[in-house]
């Protein structure tokens, strides 16, 4: 399935949850710098990241790219903790443990003799 098709399908699943909040935005009172910041997040942290993930899949093993994708939230959380924009709590610790468990399962070698 192509990425555009997948994104379109995802839009239909997300739309019912976000349409009301989206309609509440007062677009005319928003400063220009907010538009630039939102554009930065959309273009660089979303689109470019996905393009690099697709590029990585064409050059690396899928498990390597999978590990990177799984670790992105952990890396972002560590950065937020270092810069002081977030705090550590039990939910984040539990989520990190689950992420590392997922990374372990992705990288674990499968016994090929079992069929």
C-alpha atoms as a PDB file:
ATOM      1  CA  UNK A   1       0.000   0.000   0.000  1.00  0.00           C
ATOM      2  CA  UNK A   2       1.353   3.387  -0.913  1.00  0.00           C
ATOM      3  CA  UNK A   3       2.169   5.914   1.786  1.00  0.00           C
ATOM      4  CA  UNK A   4      -0.351   8.440   0.456  1.00  0.00           C
ATOM      5  CA  UNK A   5      -3.148   5.882   0.609  1.00  0.00           C
ATOM      6  CA  UNK A   6      -2.205   4.911   4.131  1.00  0.00           C
ATOM      7  CA  UNK A   7      -2.142   8.570   5.204  1.00  0.00           C
ATOM      8  CA  UNK A   8      -5.572   9.125   3.655  1.00  0.00           C
ATOM      9  CA  UNK A   9      -7.012   6.123   5.487  1.00  0.00           C
ATOM     10  CA  UNK A  10      -5.448   7.383   8.735  1.00  0.00           C
ATOM     11  CA  UNK A  11      -7.051  10.786   8.161  1.00  0.00           C
ATOM     12  CA  UNK A  12     -10.518   9.226   8.186  1.00  0.00           C
ATOM     13  CA  UNK A  13      -9.781   7.455  11.464  1.00  0.00           C
ATOM     14  CA  UNK A  14      -8.356  10.586  13.126  1.00  0.00           C
ATOM     15  CA  UNK A  15     -10.872  13.112  11.791  1.00  0.00           C
ATOM     16  CA  UNK A  16     -13.761  12.249  14.166  1.00  0.00           C
ATOM     17  CA  UNK A  17     -11.511  12.785  17.187  1.00  0.00           C
ATOM     18  CA  UNK A  18      -9.908  16.063  16.110  1.00  0.00           C
ATOM     19  CA  UNK A  19     -12.456  17.908  13.988  1.00  0.00           C
ATOM     20  CA  UNK A  20     -14.140  19.655  16.927  1.00  0.00           C
ATOM     21  CA  UNK A  21     -10.866  20.987  18.354  1.00  0.00           C
ATOM     22  CA  UNK A  22      -9.736  21.997  14.858  1.00  0.00           C
ATOM     23  CA  UNK A  23     -12.919  24.029  14.373  1.00  0.00           C
ATOM     24  CA  UNK A  24     -12.338  25.841  17.698  1.00  0.00           C
ATOM     25  CA  UNK A  25      -9.052  27.385  16.499  1.00  0.00           C
ATOM     26  CA  UNK A  26      -9.277  31.136  16.024  1.00  0.00           C
ATOM     27  CA  UNK A  27      -7.071  31.391  12.930  1.00  0.00           C
ATOM     28  CA  UNK A  28      -7.264  35.187  12.609  1.00  0.00           C
ATOM     29  CA  UNK A  29      -5.921  35.924  16.095  1.00  0.00           C
ATOM     30  CA  UNK A  30      -2.982  33.544  15.807  1.00  0.00           C
ATOM     31  CA  UNK A  31       0.431  35.272  15.495  1.00  0.00           C
ATOM     32  CA  UNK A  32       2.555  34.588  12.427  1.00  0.00           C
ATOM     33  CA  UNK A  33       5.311  32.894  14.418  1.00  0.00           C
ATOM     34  CA  UNK A  34       2.816  30.195  15.469  1.00  0.00           C
ATOM     35  CA  UNK A  35       2.095  29.433  11.802  1.00  0.00           C
ATOM     36  CA  UNK A  36       5.827  29.110  11.188  1.00  0.00           C
ATOM     37  CA  UNK A  37       6.276  26.802  14.183  1.00  0.00           C
ATOM     38  CA  UNK A  38       3.356  24.594  13.133  1.00  0.00           C
ATOM     39  CA  UNK A  39       4.745  24.479   9.600  1.00  0.00           C
ATOM     40  CA  UNK A  40       8.150  23.481  10.945  1.00  0.00           C
ATOM     41  CA  UNK A  41       6.628  20.629  12.940  1.00  0.00           C
ATOM     42  CA  UNK A  42       4.574  19.421   9.976  1.00  0.00           C
ATOM     43  CA  UNK A  43       7.350  19.638   7.395  1.00  0.00           C
ATOM     44  CA  UNK A  44      10.493  18.696   9.287  1.00  0.00           C
ATOM     45  CA  UNK A  45       9.565  16.600  12.287  1.00  0.00           C
ATOM     46  CA  UNK A  46       6.845  14.683  10.461  1.00  0.00           C
ATOM     47  CA  UNK A  47       7.308  14.591   6.680  1.00  0.00           C
ATOM     48  CA  UNK A  48      11.107  14.641   6.532  1.00  0.00           C
ATOM     49  CA  UNK A  49      11.348  12.037   9.299  1.00  0.00           C
ATOM     50  CA  UNK A  50       9.058   9.673   7.406  1.00  0.00           C
ATOM     51  CA  UNK A  51      11.011  10.256   4.193  1.00  0.00           C
ATOM     52  CA  UNK A  52      14.263   9.421   6.000  1.00  0.00           C
ATOM     53  CA  UNK A  53      12.636   6.291   7.438  1.00  0.00           C
ATOM     54  CA  UNK A  54      11.629   5.214   3.923  1.00  0.00           C
ATOM     55  CA  UNK A  55      15.130   6.017   2.643  1.00  0.00           C
ATOM     56  CA  UNK A  56      16.596   4.014   5.520  1.00  0.00           C
ATOM     57  CA  UNK A  57      14.393   1.049   4.621  1.00  0.00           C
ATOM     58  CA  UNK A  58      15.827   1.095   1.120  1.00  0.00           C
ATOM     59  CA  UNK A  59      19.433   1.053   2.401  1.00  0.00           C
ATOM     60  CA  UNK A  60      19.335  -0.787   5.761  1.00  0.00           C
ATOM     61  CA  UNK A  61      17.828  -3.914   7.230  1.00  0.00           C
ATOM     62  CA  UNK A  62      14.201  -3.484   8.319  1.00  0.00           C
ATOM     63  CA  UNK A  63      15.133  -4.366  11.911  1.00  0.00           C
ATOM     64  CA  UNK A  64      17.651  -1.503  12.028  1.00  0.00           C
ATOM     65  CA  UNK A  65      15.039   0.991  10.860  1.00  0.00           C
ATOM     66  CA  UNK A  66      12.494  -0.555  13.222  1.00  0.00           C
ATOM     67  CA  UNK A  67      14.821  -0.078  16.181  1.00  0.00           C
ATOM     68  CA  UNK A  68      15.309   3.566  15.251  1.00  0.00           C
ATOM     69  CA  UNK A  69      11.557   4.129  14.888  1.00  0.00           C
ATOM     70  CA  UNK A  70      10.884   2.471  18.239  1.00  0.00           C
ATOM     71  CA  UNK A  71      13.577   4.534  19.971  1.00  0.00           C
ATOM     72  CA  UNK A  72      12.429   7.929  18.637  1.00  0.00           C
ATOM     73  CA  UNK A  73      10.034   8.584  21.565  1.00  0.00           C
ATOM     74  CA  UNK A  74      12.717   7.554  24.060  1.00  0.00           C
ATOM     75  CA  UNK A  75      15.255   9.886  22.453  1.00  0.00           C
ATOM     76  CA  UNK A  76      12.704  12.723  22.407  1.00  0.00           C
ATOM     77  CA  UNK A  77      11.887  12.134  26.085  1.00  0.00           C
ATOM     78  CA  UNK A  78      15.558  12.126  27.073  1.00  0.00           C
ATOM     79  CA  UNK A  79      16.061  15.391  25.184  1.00  0.00           C
ATOM     80  CA  UNK A  80      13.000  16.923  26.891  1.00  0.00           C
ATOM     81  CA  UNK A  81      14.298  15.841  30.295  1.00  0.00           C
ATOM     82  CA  UNK A  82      17.756  17.298  29.607  1.00  0.00           C
ATOM     83  CA  UNK A  83      16.330  20.635  28.459  1.00  0.00           C
ATOM     84  CA  UNK A  84      13.913  20.762  31.388  1.00  0.00           C
ATOM     85  CA  UNK A  85      10.746  20.802  29.272  1.00  0.00           C
ATOM     86  CA  UNK A  86       9.386  17.593  30.741  1.00  0.00           C
ATOM     87  CA  UNK A  87       9.486  15.594  33.938  1.00  0.00           C
ATOM     88  CA  UNK A  88       9.943  11.899  34.565  1.00  0.00           C
ATOM     89  CA  UNK A  89       7.070   9.862  35.974  1.00  0.00           C
ATOM     90  CA  UNK A  90       6.100   6.219  36.321  1.00  0.00           C
ATOM     91  CA  UNK A  91       4.087   6.163  33.081  1.00  0.00           C
ATOM     92  CA  UNK A  92       7.102   7.304  31.043  1.00  0.00           C
ATOM     93  CA  UNK A  93       9.349   4.774  32.755  1.00  0.00           C
ATOM     94  CA  UNK A  94       6.833   1.991  32.056  1.00  0.00           C
ATOM     95  CA  UNK A  95       6.459   3.134  28.431  1.00  0.00           C
ATOM     96  CA  UNK A  96      10.248   3.122  28.008  1.00  0.00           C
ATOM     97  CA  UNK A  97      10.432  -0.428  29.356  1.00  0.00           C
ATOM     98  CA  UNK A  98       7.746  -1.518  26.888  1.00  0.00           C
ATOM     99  CA  UNK A  99       9.610   0.202  24.031  1.00  0.00           C
ATOM    100  CA  UNK A 100      12.860  -1.578  24.929  1.00  0.00           C
ATOM    101  CA  UNK A 101      10.941  -4.849  25.122  1.00  0.00           C
ATOM    102  CA  UNK A 102       9.643  -4.167  21.605  1.00  0.00           C
ATOM    103  CA  UNK A 103      13.164  -3.371  20.389  1.00  0.00           C
ATOM    104  CA  UNK A 104      14.382  -6.637  21.910  1.00  0.00           C
ATOM    105  CA  UNK A 105      11.603  -8.603  20.188  1.00  0.00           C
ATOM    106  CA  UNK A 106      12.349  -6.962  16.836  1.00  0.00           C
ATOM    107  CA  UNK A 107      16.068  -7.685  17.015  1.00  0.00           C
ATOM    108  CA  UNK A 108      15.781 -11.184  18.490  1.00  0.00           C
ATOM    109  CA  UNK A 109      16.977 -13.901  16.119  1.00  0.00           C
ATOM    110  CA  UNK A 110      14.282 -16.396  15.188  1.00  0.00           C
ATOM    111  CA  UNK A 111      15.156 -20.087  15.267  1.00  0.00           C
ATOM    112  CA  UNK A 112      14.712 -21.147  11.632  1.00  0.00           C
ATOM    113  CA  UNK A 113      14.366 -24.827  12.528  1.00  0.00           C
ATOM    114  CA  UNK A 114      10.887 -24.170  13.974  1.00  0.00           C
ATOM    115  CA  UNK A 115       8.303 -24.306  11.205  1.00  0.00           C
END
